[in-house]
Amino acid sequence: MEARLDRLLPAEDGALIDPRIARIVSLIRDEPDRNHSQKELGEALGLSPSRVLHLFSDEIGVPYRRYRMWKRLWLAAERLHASDNMTVAAVDSGFADATHFSHAFRDTFGVNPAPVFRKIERFELV
């Protein structure tokens, strides 16, 4: 499922993007639990914070925060599969706590995660 959703984002399917934005995508992929501030991203790329976010949206097709949230949700799902502990999976994926993860999951998918993951004995994200 992750691979299918990632295909919607140009940076994940090998499409050529601005190398500065590719660097941000790598940061998100390598450190999904870290909150990179707009100022920090701007300084790292030598651009204003607003320019970084605008360029990111233009290149990737979705806003920076939405992209980062998708990556965190998928990481949390993978970790939840491995540990069966929603709090640990949520915190390790960059959410403040299990409640933050639950709200983000519900806002994104329209259902609460607890019943979903409780009913699935084992699943595989490919």
N, C-alpha and C. Protein backbone atom coordinates (compact mmCIF):
# COMPACT_ATOMS: atom_id res chain seq x y z
N MET A 1 0.82 -1.18 0.00
CA MET A 1 0.00 0.00 0.00
C MET A 1 0.88 1.25 0.00
N GLU A 2 1.95 1.25 0.79
CA GLU A 2 2.84 2.42 0.84
C GLU A 2 3.44 2.69 -0.52
N ALA A 3 3.88 1.65 -1.21
CA ALA A 3 4.48 1.85 -2.53
C ALA A 3 3.47 2.47 -3.49
N ARG A 4 2.24 2.03 -3.41
CA ARG A 4 1.20 2.60 -4.29
C ARG A 4 0.97 4.07 -3.98
N LEU A 5 0.89 4.41 -2.70
CA LEU A 5 0.68 5.80 -2.32
C LEU A 5 1.91 6.64 -2.63
N ASP A 6 3.10 6.08 -2.43
CA ASP A 6 4.32 6.82 -2.72
C ASP A 6 4.45 7.14 -4.20
N ARG A 7 3.86 6.31 -5.05
CA ARG A 7 3.92 6.59 -6.49
C ARG A 7 3.19 7.89 -6.84
N LEU A 8 2.31 8.33 -5.96
CA LEU A 8 1.61 9.58 -6.18
C LEU A 8 2.54 10.78 -6.01
N LEU A 9 3.65 10.57 -5.34
CA LEU A 9 4.59 11.66 -5.06
C LEU A 9 5.82 11.52 -5.96
N PRO A 10 6.10 12.49 -6.81
CA PRO A 10 7.19 12.40 -7.77
C PRO A 10 8.54 12.05 -7.16
N ALA A 11 8.83 12.53 -5.97
CA ALA A 11 10.14 12.29 -5.38
C ALA A 11 10.36 10.82 -5.07
N GLU A 12 9.33 10.05 -4.96
CA GLU A 12 9.46 8.65 -4.60
C GLU A 12 9.59 7.73 -5.81
N ASP A 13 9.19 8.19 -6.98
CA ASP A 13 9.22 7.26 -8.11
C ASP A 13 10.40 7.51 -9.04
N GLY A 14 11.40 8.25 -8.55
CA GLY A 14 12.60 8.45 -9.34
C GLY A 14 12.53 9.62 -10.29
N ALA A 15 11.44 10.36 -10.29
CA ALA A 15 11.34 11.53 -11.16
C ALA A 15 12.41 12.55 -10.76
N LEU A 16 12.88 13.29 -11.73
CA LEU A 16 13.88 14.31 -11.45
C LEU A 16 13.25 15.50 -10.77
N ILE A 17 13.82 15.87 -9.65
CA ILE A 17 13.35 17.05 -8.93
C ILE A 17 14.55 17.91 -8.59
N ASP A 18 14.26 19.12 -8.18
CA ASP A 18 15.30 20.05 -7.76
C ASP A 18 16.15 19.38 -6.67
N PRO A 19 17.47 19.39 -6.81
CA PRO A 19 18.33 18.72 -5.82
C PRO A 19 18.15 19.25 -4.40
N ARG A 20 17.78 20.51 -4.27
CA ARG A 20 17.54 21.07 -2.94
C ARG A 20 16.33 20.41 -2.29
N ILE A 21 15.32 20.17 -3.08
CA ILE A 21 14.12 19.51 -2.55
C ILE A 21 14.38 18.04 -2.32
N ALA A 22 15.18 17.44 -3.18
CA ALA A 22 15.56 16.04 -2.96
C ALA A 22 16.26 15.89 -1.61
N ARG A 23 17.02 16.90 -1.23
CA ARG A 23 17.70 16.88 0.07
C ARG A 23 16.68 16.89 1.22
N ILE A 24 15.63 17.68 1.09
CA ILE A 24 14.58 17.70 2.11
C ILE A 24 13.88 16.36 2.18
N VAL A 25 13.57 15.78 1.03
CA VAL A 25 12.91 14.47 1.00
C VAL A 25 13.79 13.44 1.71
N SER A 26 15.10 13.51 1.49
CA SER A 26 16.02 12.60 2.16
C SER A 26 16.00 12.81 3.67
N LEU A 27 15.96 14.07 4.09
CA LEU A 27 15.90 14.36 5.53
C LEU A 27 14.65 13.74 6.15
N ILE A 28 13.53 13.89 5.48
CA ILE A 28 12.27 13.33 5.99
C ILE A 28 12.36 11.81 6.04
N ARG A 29 12.91 11.22 5.02
CA ARG A 29 13.03 9.77 4.96
C ARG A 29 13.99 9.25 6.03
N ASP A 30 15.11 9.95 6.22
CA ASP A 30 16.13 9.49 7.16
C ASP A 30 15.79 9.82 8.61
N GLU A 31 15.06 10.91 8.84
CA GLU A 31 14.73 11.33 10.19
C GLU A 31 13.24 11.70 10.29
N PRO A 32 12.35 10.73 10.10
CA PRO A 32 10.91 11.06 10.09
C PRO A 32 10.39 11.56 11.42
N ASP A 33 11.08 11.22 12.49
CA ASP A 33 10.62 11.63 13.81
C ASP A 33 11.09 13.03 14.20
N ARG A 34 11.89 13.65 13.36
CA ARG A 34 12.43 14.98 13.68
C ARG A 34 11.60 16.06 13.00
N ASN A 35 11.32 17.12 13.74
CA ASN A 35 10.59 18.26 13.19
C ASN A 35 11.59 19.28 12.67
N HIS A 36 11.82 19.28 11.39
CA HIS A 36 12.69 20.27 10.78
C HIS A 36 11.89 21.55 10.62
N SER A 37 12.33 22.62 11.25
CA SER A 37 11.60 23.89 11.15
C SER A 37 11.81 24.51 9.77
N GLN A 38 10.89 25.40 9.42
CA GLN A 38 11.01 26.12 8.15
C GLN A 38 12.33 26.89 8.11
N LYS A 39 12.68 27.50 9.22
CA LYS A 39 13.92 28.27 9.30
C LYS A 39 15.13 27.36 9.09
N GLU A 40 15.13 26.22 9.73
CA GLU A 40 16.23 25.25 9.61
C GLU A 40 16.38 24.77 8.16
N LEU A 41 15.27 24.46 7.52
CA LEU A 41 15.32 24.02 6.12
C LEU A 41 15.83 25.13 5.23
N GLY A 42 15.36 26.34 5.47
CA GLY A 42 15.81 27.48 4.68
C GLY A 42 17.31 27.71 4.82
N GLU A 43 17.80 27.66 6.04
CA GLU A 43 19.24 27.84 6.27
C GLU A 43 20.05 26.73 5.62
N ALA A 44 19.57 25.51 5.70
CA ALA A 44 20.29 24.38 5.11
C ALA A 44 20.39 24.49 3.59
N LEU A 45 19.38 25.12 2.98
CA LEU A 45 19.35 25.22 1.52
C LEU A 45 19.74 26.59 1.00
N GLY A 46 19.96 27.54 1.91
CA GLY A 46 20.31 28.88 1.48
C GLY A 46 19.14 29.64 0.87
N LEU A 47 17.94 29.32 1.33
CA LEU A 47 16.74 29.97 0.83
C LEU A 47 15.92 30.49 2.01
N SER A 48 14.99 31.37 1.73
CA SER A 48 14.09 31.81 2.79
C SER A 48 13.16 30.65 3.16
N PRO A 49 12.70 30.60 4.39
CA PRO A 49 11.79 29.52 4.79
C PRO A 49 10.54 29.43 3.90
N SER A 50 9.96 30.56 3.57
CA SER A 50 8.76 30.51 2.73
C SER A 50 9.06 30.01 1.33
N ARG A 51 10.25 30.36 0.81
CA ARG A 51 10.64 29.89 -0.53
C ARG A 51 10.84 28.38 -0.54
N VAL A 52 11.41 27.85 0.53
CA VAL A 52 11.61 26.39 0.63
C VAL A 52 10.27 25.68 0.55
N LEU A 53 9.30 26.14 1.34
CA LEU A 53 7.99 25.49 1.37
C LEU A 53 7.27 25.61 0.03
N HIS A 54 7.39 26.76 -0.59
CA HIS A 54 6.77 26.97 -1.90
C HIS A 54 7.41 26.07 -2.95
N LEU A 55 8.72 26.02 -2.97
CA LEU A 55 9.45 25.18 -3.91
C LEU A 55 9.13 23.70 -3.68
N PHE A 56 9.03 23.29 -2.41
CA PHE A 56 8.70 21.92 -2.08
C PHE A 56 7.34 21.54 -2.68
N SER A 57 6.35 22.38 -2.45
CA SER A 57 5.01 22.12 -2.99
C SER A 57 5.01 22.06 -4.50
N ASP A 58 5.72 22.97 -5.14
CA ASP A 58 5.80 22.97 -6.60
C ASP A 58 6.45 21.71 -7.14
N GLU A 59 7.52 21.27 -6.49
CA GLU A 59 8.29 20.11 -6.98
C GLU A 59 7.61 18.78 -6.66
N ILE A 60 7.07 18.65 -5.47
CA ILE A 60 6.52 17.37 -5.00
C ILE A 60 5.03 17.24 -5.30
N GLY A 61 4.33 18.35 -5.28
CA GLY A 61 2.91 18.31 -5.58
C GLY A 61 2.01 18.31 -4.36
N VAL A 62 2.62 18.25 -3.19
CA VAL A 62 1.87 18.36 -1.93
C VAL A 62 2.70 19.22 -0.98
N PRO A 63 2.05 19.86 -0.01
CA PRO A 63 2.80 20.68 0.94
C PRO A 63 3.75 19.84 1.79
N TYR A 64 4.80 20.49 2.27
CA TYR A 64 5.82 19.84 3.09
C TYR A 64 5.22 19.11 4.29
N ARG A 65 4.35 19.78 5.03
CA ARG A 65 3.78 19.17 6.23
C ARG A 65 2.94 17.94 5.90
N ARG A 66 2.19 17.98 4.81
CA ARG A 66 1.37 16.83 4.42
C ARG A 66 2.27 15.65 4.04
N TYR A 67 3.32 15.93 3.27
CA TYR A 67 4.26 14.87 2.88
C TYR A 67 4.89 14.25 4.13
N ARG A 68 5.34 15.10 5.04
CA ARG A 68 5.97 14.60 6.27
C ARG A 68 4.98 13.76 7.07
N MET A 69 3.72 14.16 7.13
CA MET A 69 2.70 13.41 7.86
C MET A 69 2.48 12.03 7.24
N TRP A 70 2.42 11.97 5.89
CA TRP A 70 2.27 10.67 5.23
C TRP A 70 3.39 9.73 5.62
N LYS A 71 4.61 10.26 5.57
CA LYS A 71 5.76 9.41 5.90
C LYS A 71 5.70 8.94 7.35
N ARG A 72 5.29 9.80 8.25
CA ARG A 72 5.18 9.42 9.66
C ARG A 72 4.08 8.40 9.88
N LEU A 73 2.95 8.58 9.22
CA LEU A 73 1.86 7.61 9.36
C LEU A 73 2.29 6.23 8.91
N TRP A 74 2.99 6.18 7.78
CA TRP A 74 3.44 4.87 7.29
C TRP A 74 4.49 4.26 8.19
N LEU A 75 5.39 5.07 8.69
CA LEU A 75 6.40 4.56 9.62
C LEU A 75 5.73 4.04 10.89
N ALA A 76 4.75 4.77 11.40
CA ALA A 76 4.04 4.32 12.59
C ALA A 76 3.32 3.00 12.33
N ALA A 77 2.72 2.86 11.16
CA ALA A 77 2.05 1.59 10.83
C ALA A 77 3.05 0.44 10.77
N GLU A 78 4.20 0.69 10.18
CA GLU A 78 5.24 -0.35 10.13
C GLU A 78 5.70 -0.72 11.53
N ARG A 79 5.92 0.28 12.36
CA ARG A 79 6.38 0.02 13.72
C ARG A 79 5.30 -0.61 14.58
N LEU A 80 4.06 -0.25 14.34
CA LEU A 80 2.95 -0.86 15.06
C LEU A 80 2.86 -2.33 14.70
N HIS A 81 3.08 -2.64 13.46
CA HIS A 81 3.09 -4.04 13.01
C HIS A 81 4.19 -4.82 13.73
N ALA A 82 5.33 -4.19 13.91
CA ALA A 82 6.46 -4.88 14.53
C ALA A 82 6.33 -4.98 16.05
N SER A 83 5.71 -3.99 16.69
CA SER A 83 5.72 -3.97 18.16
C SER A 83 4.35 -4.21 18.80
N ASP A 84 3.27 -3.99 18.05
CA ASP A 84 1.92 -4.09 18.60
C ASP A 84 1.70 -3.14 19.78
N ASN A 85 2.46 -2.06 19.83
CA ASN A 85 2.31 -1.07 20.89
C ASN A 85 2.14 0.30 20.24
N MET A 86 0.91 0.82 20.27
CA MET A 86 0.61 2.06 19.56
C MET A 86 1.40 3.24 20.09
N THR A 87 1.58 3.32 21.38
CA THR A 87 2.31 4.45 21.96
C THR A 87 3.75 4.45 21.50
N VAL A 88 4.42 3.32 21.58
CA VAL A 88 5.81 3.21 21.15
C VAL A 88 5.93 3.51 19.66
N ALA A 89 5.05 2.93 18.87
CA ALA A 89 5.09 3.17 17.42
C ALA A 89 4.87 4.64 17.10
N ALA A 90 3.95 5.28 17.79
CA ALA A 90 3.64 6.69 17.54
C ALA A 90 4.82 7.58 17.91
N VAL A 91 5.34 7.41 19.10
CA VAL A 91 6.44 8.27 19.56
C VAL A 91 7.70 8.05 18.70
N ASP A 92 8.00 6.80 18.38
CA ASP A 92 9.17 6.51 17.55
C ASP A 92 9.04 7.05 16.13
N SER A 93 7.83 7.35 15.73
CA SER A 93 7.59 7.87 14.37
C SER A 93 7.45 9.39 14.32
N GLY A 94 7.62 10.03 15.47
CA GLY A 94 7.60 11.48 15.48
C GLY A 94 6.33 12.11 15.99
N PHE A 95 5.37 11.31 16.42
CA PHE A 95 4.16 11.86 17.01
C PHE A 95 4.41 12.12 18.49
N ALA A 96 3.73 13.12 19.05
CA ALA A 96 3.93 13.46 20.46
C ALA A 96 3.51 12.31 21.38
N ASP A 97 2.45 11.61 20.98
CA ASP A 97 1.95 10.50 21.78
C ASP A 97 0.95 9.71 20.93
N ALA A 98 0.36 8.68 21.52
CA ALA A 98 -0.59 7.84 20.78
C ALA A 98 -1.83 8.62 20.37
N THR A 99 -2.22 9.58 21.19
CA THR A 99 -3.40 10.39 20.85
C THR A 99 -3.15 11.23 19.62
N HIS A 100 -1.97 11.83 19.53
CA HIS A 100 -1.60 12.62 18.35
C HIS A 100 -1.64 11.73 17.10
N PHE A 101 -1.07 10.52 17.21
CA PHE A 101 -1.10 9.57 16.10
C PHE A 101 -2.54 9.21 15.73
N SER A 102 -3.37 8.93 16.73
CA SER A 102 -4.76 8.55 16.48
C SER A 102 -5.52 9.65 15.75
N HIS A 103 -5.33 10.89 16.19
CA HIS A 103 -5.99 12.02 15.53
C HIS A 103 -5.52 12.17 14.08
N ALA A 104 -4.22 12.07 13.86
CA ALA A 104 -3.68 12.20 12.51
C ALA A 104 -4.18 11.06 11.61
N PHE A 105 -4.21 9.85 12.15
CA PHE A 105 -4.69 8.69 11.41
C PHE A 105 -6.16 8.88 11.03
N ARG A 106 -6.98 9.29 12.00
CA ARG A 106 -8.40 9.50 11.76
C ARG A 106 -8.63 10.63 10.76
N ASP A 107 -7.88 11.72 10.90
CA ASP A 107 -8.02 12.84 9.96
C ASP A 107 -7.64 12.44 8.54
N THR A 108 -6.66 11.55 8.42
CA THR A 108 -6.18 11.14 7.10
C THR A 108 -7.04 10.04 6.48
N PHE A 109 -7.39 9.04 7.26
CA PHE A 109 -8.08 7.87 6.72
C PHE A 109 -9.56 7.78 7.08
N GLY A 110 -10.02 8.62 8.00
CA GLY A 110 -11.44 8.65 8.35
C GLY A 110 -11.88 7.61 9.36
N VAL A 111 -10.94 6.87 9.92
CA VAL A 111 -11.26 5.86 10.94
C VAL A 111 -10.22 5.93 12.05
N ASN A 112 -10.60 5.46 13.23
CA ASN A 112 -9.65 5.38 14.34
C ASN A 112 -8.71 4.20 14.11
N PRO A 113 -7.43 4.33 14.44
CA PRO A 113 -6.49 3.25 14.19
C PRO A 113 -6.65 2.04 15.09
N ALA A 114 -7.05 2.24 16.33
CA ALA A 114 -7.11 1.11 17.27
C ALA A 114 -7.97 -0.04 16.75
N PRO A 115 -9.22 0.20 16.35
CA PRO A 115 -10.01 -0.93 15.86
C PRO A 115 -9.45 -1.53 14.57
N VAL A 116 -8.86 -0.71 13.75
CA VAL A 116 -8.29 -1.20 12.50
C VAL A 116 -7.16 -2.18 12.78
N PHE A 117 -6.21 -1.74 13.63
CA PHE A 117 -5.05 -2.59 13.90
C PHE A 117 -5.40 -3.75 14.82
N ARG A 118 -6.43 -3.60 15.62
CA ARG A 118 -6.85 -4.69 16.50
C ARG A 118 -7.43 -5.84 15.69
N LYS A 119 -8.14 -5.51 14.61
CA LYS A 119 -8.80 -6.54 13.80
C LYS A 119 -7.85 -7.23 12.84
N ILE A 120 -6.73 -6.62 12.57
CA ILE A 120 -5.76 -7.21 11.65
C ILE A 120 -4.73 -7.94 12.47
N GLU A 121 -4.72 -9.26 12.34
CA GLU A 121 -3.75 -10.03 13.13
C GLU A 121 -2.33 -9.71 12.67
N ARG A 122 -2.08 -9.82 11.43
CA ARG A 122 -0.77 -9.48 10.86
C ARG A 122 -1.01 -8.92 9.48
N PHE A 123 -0.26 -7.93 9.13
CA PHE A 123 -0.37 -7.33 7.81
C PHE A 123 1.03 -7.04 7.31
N GLU A 124 1.12 -6.81 6.05
CA GLU A 124 2.43 -6.52 5.48
C GLU A 124 2.35 -5.27 4.62
N LEU A 125 3.25 -4.34 4.90
CA LEU A 125 3.37 -3.14 4.07
C LEU A 125 4.49 -3.37 3.10
N VAL A 126 4.18 -3.23 1.83
CA VAL A 126 5.20 -3.47 0.82
C VAL A 126 5.55 -2.21 0.10
